[in-house]
Structure formats: C-alpha cells, structure tokens
Amino acid sequence: MQTPPVLPTTQRPAGSLRVVTGLVVFALLDLSMQAWSAFVWLKNGGSLSLTAPFSTLALGLAAWLVWRGRRGIWRVLLYLAPIGLGLILGLFLAGGLFLPWRLLRALLLHSPQATTLHLVHALLAGLILGWLAWEAGRVQAAGGPRQTWSRAPVLAALGALPTLLLAKLALLLMQGSWTAEAVAQARAELGDAYDYQVISWQVHKQAGRTSGHAVVLAYNDEEVQQVQVRW
C-alpha cells in the first residue's frame, strides 16, 4: 500500500517568534493604558472610550496570525507599522510646534504622572512600531525589492504629515471666534491670572434653541485645571 504524500507544513518566516512577542507586549501595553484610563474615569470622571479595547483585540489577532504562519499579516504590518509610527511622530511634532510652550511646561510641572505616562506610552509604542516595520521589511526583502512609495520612511511620512495638518486644523477650530464665549466664561470664573486653551467644544440645536458645552484648560505657572462651561 502506497503511503500518501505528506503535505508541507506552513513555514513561519524567521523572526516570527520575536514579532509575536512584540505584538503581545504591545497589546499588554495598550491594555494597561486602557485600565489606567478606566481607573481615572472612575475616580475623577471625564470621558471613556468604549471602542478602545478593539485595538488590543486587533494586536492579539495579528500576533495569532503571525504565529499561524499567515503570510498576509506580514504585508499588513509592512504598511501599517510605519504609518502608525508616523502618526506618533506627527503628534509629537504637532505638540511641540503648535501648542503653547507655557502650556506644555505647566502640564509637565503640575500633571507629571499623567503627562509622563502618556509620553512613555507613546515612545514605547513608537519603538515597537518601528521595530515591527523593520521585521516586516526583512521578510518582504526575501520576496524582492519594494517600490519607493512602499518603503518605511515614505509610509511614515504619509502618516506624519496628515497628522500635523489635522492637529493644526483642530487647534485652529478650538481657538476660533466661535469658541470665544467659552473662554470668556472661563475667564469670568477664574480671572486673568490664567491662560486658556479650549480642548473640547460642542454645540447642540434642539427645538430652535442653541446650547453649548465646552471644556477649557486654565493654566499658569502654579497650576493647571479644567473648567466646564455651558451656554
């Protein structure tokens, strides 16, 4: 009796175990930030995103697909990892270029734990994304040269430039003439000893009446606080 041929098993590219470990670490880092956000929400209130856990699930799914030897996930990492790195770089550049330096200094002085935690999280996420892009590039290199537009530096720039533009647009919208009423109310409540930055602004129309709600950040060299105003 002839023995049936043995089908070849799925070959995992070199570095698969490293990438799986990196994705799992990334997922745990993401999950820890969500747990911290939930703790702050329970303690101090504010907003809580119910869709945030999907990013952890996506990272876990990517790790599983890499471990299973699915070739398609490497192409996804090849594109999304450098774009994600570009998004983080764009946010850092936008903060340094567009936010008032006095506000950044006040956040570092008076909210050191929260500010440091977010900075460390973003830096670690950027390092992991850069490393994942490098690992995916090594796997792709075995299949032939990449086109110029698909190289990691170009993809990172494609992620960073729109982030810069959107951040600038958001700040312009938050500091327009339509938000002057929110700043005026916050100033009337706290006085001229603070500088003011609108970080959330909403307008509702119902039954012919217009109402609004805004969150204004008041800061100086001594403290930083949030002021909620309605009109």
Protein backbone atom coordinates (compact mmCIF):
# COMPACT_ATOMS: atom_id res chain seq x y z
CA MET A 1 0.00 0.00 0.00
CA GLN A 2 1.43 3.32 -1.10
CA THR A 3 1.91 5.90 1.64
CA PRO A 4 0.05 9.16 0.86
CA PRO A 5 2.30 12.17 0.32
CA VAL A 6 2.94 14.38 3.30
CA LEU A 7 1.73 17.92 2.74
CA PRO A 8 4.27 20.60 3.67
CA THR A 9 3.56 22.45 6.86
CA THR A 10 3.25 26.22 6.94
CA GLN A 11 6.68 27.76 7.13
CA ARG A 12 6.97 30.66 9.52
CA PRO A 13 9.38 33.37 8.39
CA ALA A 14 12.46 33.93 10.50
CA GLY A 15 11.74 36.25 13.39
CA SER A 16 8.12 35.17 13.78
CA LEU A 17 8.55 34.39 17.47
CA ARG A 18 10.12 37.81 18.05
CA VAL A 19 7.27 39.54 16.24
CA VAL A 20 4.63 37.55 18.15
CA THR A 21 6.33 38.55 21.41
CA GLY A 22 6.45 42.19 20.32
CA LEU A 23 2.77 42.22 19.36
CA VAL A 24 1.79 40.64 22.66
CA VAL A 25 3.86 43.21 24.58
CA PHE A 26 2.23 45.97 22.52
CA ALA A 27 -1.22 44.55 23.32
CA LEU A 28 -0.41 44.41 27.05
CA LEU A 29 0.89 47.99 26.93
CA ASP A 30 -2.29 49.09 25.19
CA LEU A 31 -4.43 47.20 27.70
CA SER A 32 -2.58 48.76 30.65
CA MET A 33 -3.27 52.26 29.32
CA GLN A 34 -6.95 51.43 28.93
CA ALA A 35 -7.07 50.11 32.51
CA TRP A 36 -5.44 53.31 33.75
CA SER A 37 -7.92 55.43 31.76
CA ALA A 38 -10.81 53.47 33.27
CA PHE A 39 -9.37 53.99 36.77
CA VAL A 40 -9.07 57.75 36.19
CA TRP A 41 -12.62 57.81 34.80
CA LEU A 42 -13.99 56.03 37.88
CA LYS A 43 -12.05 58.32 40.20
CA ASN A 44 -12.35 61.72 38.55
CA GLY A 45 -14.96 61.34 35.84
CA GLY A 46 -14.47 62.59 32.30
CA SER A 47 -14.79 60.58 29.11
CA LEU A 48 -14.17 56.88 28.47
CA SER A 49 -13.87 55.28 25.04
CA LEU A 50 -15.83 52.04 24.67
CA THR A 51 -14.10 51.23 21.36
CA ALA A 52 -10.55 51.34 22.80
CA PRO A 53 -10.42 47.58 23.62
CA PHE A 54 -10.69 46.78 19.91
CA SER A 55 -7.10 47.92 19.40
CA THR A 56 -5.94 45.33 21.94
CA LEU A 57 -8.01 42.67 20.20
CA ALA A 58 -6.54 43.67 16.82
CA LEU A 59 -3.00 43.33 18.17
CA GLY A 60 -3.84 39.94 19.64
CA LEU A 61 -5.32 38.81 16.32
CA ALA A 62 -2.19 39.97 14.49
CA ALA A 63 0.01 38.00 16.90
CA TRP A 64 -2.10 34.89 16.34
CA LEU A 65 -1.92 35.25 12.55
CA VAL A 66 1.87 35.64 12.67
CA TRP A 67 2.15 32.56 14.88
CA ARG A 68 -0.06 30.60 12.47
CA GLY A 69 2.27 31.50 9.62
CA ARG A 70 -0.23 33.57 7.63
CA ARG A 71 1.76 35.44 5.02
CA GLY A 72 -0.85 38.17 4.55
CA ILE A 73 -0.33 39.59 8.03
CA TRP A 74 3.28 40.45 7.16
CA ARG A 75 2.10 42.71 4.35
CA VAL A 76 -0.35 44.37 6.74
CA LEU A 77 2.49 45.00 9.21
CA LEU A 78 4.69 46.20 6.37
CA TYR A 79 2.32 49.09 5.69
CA LEU A 80 0.53 49.78 8.95
CA ALA A 81 3.54 49.69 11.30
CA PRO A 82 5.44 52.58 9.64
CA ILE A 83 2.22 54.55 9.13
CA GLY A 84 1.45 54.12 12.84
CA LEU A 85 4.97 55.27 13.69
CA GLY A 86 4.39 58.32 11.50
CA LEU A 87 1.17 59.12 13.36
CA ILE A 88 3.02 59.13 16.68
CA LEU A 89 5.84 61.27 15.26
CA GLY A 90 3.25 63.65 13.85
CA LEU A 91 1.59 64.02 17.24
CA PHE A 92 4.91 64.79 18.93
CA LEU A 93 5.77 67.35 16.26
CA ALA A 94 2.32 68.91 16.44
CA GLY A 95 2.58 69.26 20.21
CA GLY A 96 5.99 70.88 20.00
CA LEU A 97 5.15 73.17 17.10
CA PHE A 98 1.57 74.21 17.72
CA LEU A 99 0.86 74.07 21.47
CA PRO A 100 1.94 77.00 23.66
CA TRP A 101 5.22 76.24 25.40
CA ARG A 102 3.79 77.62 28.62
CA LEU A 103 1.03 75.01 28.46
CA LEU A 104 3.50 72.16 27.87
CA ARG A 105 5.63 73.39 30.76
CA ALA A 106 2.57 73.65 33.02
CA LEU A 107 1.49 70.10 32.19
CA LEU A 108 4.96 68.75 32.97
CA LEU A 109 5.14 70.67 36.25
CA HIS A 110 1.63 70.15 37.59
CA SER A 111 0.49 66.87 35.98
CA PRO A 112 3.79 64.98 35.92
CA GLN A 113 2.37 61.50 36.43
CA ALA A 114 -0.27 61.64 33.70
CA THR A 115 1.96 63.54 31.27
CA THR A 116 4.94 61.22 31.82
CA LEU A 117 2.73 58.14 31.48
CA HIS A 118 1.33 59.29 28.14
CA LEU A 119 4.78 60.25 26.87
CA VAL A 120 6.32 56.92 27.88
CA HIS A 121 3.40 55.03 26.34
CA ALA A 122 3.76 56.92 23.06
CA LEU A 123 7.54 56.42 22.97
CA LEU A 124 7.28 52.70 23.67
CA ALA A 125 4.53 52.33 21.07
CA GLY A 126 6.68 54.19 18.52
CA LEU A 127 9.70 52.00 19.25
CA ILE A 128 7.64 48.82 18.89
CA LEU A 129 6.04 50.02 15.64
CA GLY A 130 9.43 50.97 14.21
CA TRP A 131 10.84 47.57 15.11
CA LEU A 132 7.79 45.77 13.63
CA ALA A 133 8.22 47.74 10.41
CA TRP A 134 11.88 46.66 10.28
CA GLU A 135 11.00 42.99 10.88
CA ALA A 136 8.25 43.06 8.23
CA GLY A 137 10.69 44.74 5.83
CA ARG A 138 13.19 41.92 6.33
CA VAL A 139 10.53 39.34 5.44
CA GLN A 140 9.45 41.33 2.39
CA ALA A 141 13.07 41.74 1.25
CA ALA A 142 13.25 38.00 0.69
CA GLY A 143 10.46 38.32 -1.89
CA GLY A 144 12.08 41.06 -3.95
CA PRO A 145 12.68 44.82 -3.90
CA ARG A 146 9.96 47.20 -2.73
CA GLN A 147 8.60 50.13 -4.68
CA THR A 148 9.69 53.56 -3.48
CA TRP A 149 6.25 54.59 -2.21
CA SER A 150 6.01 51.45 -0.05
CA ARG A 151 9.30 51.96 1.80
CA ALA A 152 9.09 52.57 5.55
CA PRO A 153 10.34 56.22 5.54
CA VAL A 154 7.79 57.19 2.88
CA LEU A 155 4.95 55.44 4.72
CA ALA A 156 5.99 57.09 7.99
CA ALA A 157 5.89 60.49 6.26
CA LEU A 158 2.44 59.65 4.89
CA GLY A 159 1.33 59.07 8.47
CA ALA A 160 3.06 62.11 9.98
CA LEU A 161 2.09 64.85 7.52
CA PRO A 162 -1.70 64.39 7.69
CA THR A 163 -1.43 64.18 11.49
CA LEU A 164 0.36 67.53 11.57
CA LEU A 165 -2.24 69.13 9.33
CA LEU A 166 -5.21 67.71 11.24
CA ALA A 167 -3.72 68.73 14.59
CA LYS A 168 -3.16 72.27 13.33
CA LEU A 169 -6.71 72.39 11.94
CA ALA A 170 -8.16 71.11 15.24
CA LEU A 171 -6.26 73.75 17.23
CA LEU A 172 -7.41 76.48 14.85
CA LEU A 173 -11.02 75.34 15.24
CA MET A 174 -10.70 75.25 19.02
CA GLN A 175 -9.32 78.80 19.11
CA GLY A 176 -11.68 80.40 16.62
CA SER A 177 -14.10 83.25 17.25
CA TRP A 178 -16.90 80.71 17.85
CA THR A 179 -15.13 79.46 21.00
CA ALA A 180 -14.60 82.97 22.40
CA GLU A 181 -17.75 82.68 24.51
CA ALA A 182 -16.37 79.58 26.26
CA VAL A 183 -13.06 81.32 27.01
CA ALA A 184 -14.88 84.44 28.21
CA GLN A 185 -16.97 82.41 30.67
CA ALA A 186 -13.90 80.59 31.98
CA ARG A 187 -12.06 83.89 32.35
CA ALA A 188 -15.03 85.39 34.20
CA GLU A 189 -14.93 82.46 36.61
CA LEU A 190 -11.17 82.31 37.26
CA GLY A 191 -9.86 85.72 36.27
CA ASP A 192 -6.92 86.97 34.24
CA ALA A 193 -4.27 85.08 36.21
CA TYR A 194 -4.58 82.14 33.77
CA ASP A 195 -4.05 81.45 30.11
CA TYR A 196 -6.85 79.50 28.46
CA GLN A 197 -6.97 76.71 25.89
CA VAL A 198 -10.23 75.17 24.66
CA ILE A 199 -9.87 71.38 24.45
CA SER A 200 -13.49 70.38 23.83
CA TRP A 201 -16.35 72.35 22.27
CA GLN A 202 -19.85 71.12 21.42
CA VAL A 203 -22.97 72.89 20.18
CA HIS A 204 -26.47 71.40 20.19
CA LYS A 205 -29.59 72.65 18.42
CA GLN A 206 -32.99 71.43 19.52
CA ALA A 207 -36.44 72.92 19.06
CA GLY A 208 -34.98 76.11 17.66
CA ARG A 209 -32.71 76.67 20.67
CA THR A 210 -28.92 76.51 20.62
CA SER A 211 -26.91 75.36 23.61
CA GLY A 212 -23.24 74.63 24.02
CA HIS A 213 -20.76 72.88 26.26
CA ALA A 214 -17.01 73.36 26.35
CA VAL A 215 -14.05 72.20 28.39
CA VAL A 216 -11.40 74.87 28.82
CA LEU A 217 -7.92 74.27 30.18
CA ALA A 218 -6.81 77.07 32.51
CA TYR A 219 -3.10 77.16 33.31
CA ASN A 220 -0.35 79.32 34.73
CA ASP A 221 2.97 78.74 36.47
CA GLU A 222 1.27 77.49 39.63
CA GLU A 223 -1.48 75.11 38.45
CA VAL A 224 -3.49 73.53 35.66
CA GLN A 225 -7.22 72.92 35.90
CA GLN A 226 -10.18 72.15 33.67
CA VAL A 227 -13.22 74.43 33.56
CA GLN A 228 -16.54 73.25 32.13
CA VAL A 229 -18.77 75.99 30.79
CA ARG A 230 -22.26 75.93 29.30
CA TRP A 231 -24.31 78.47 27.45
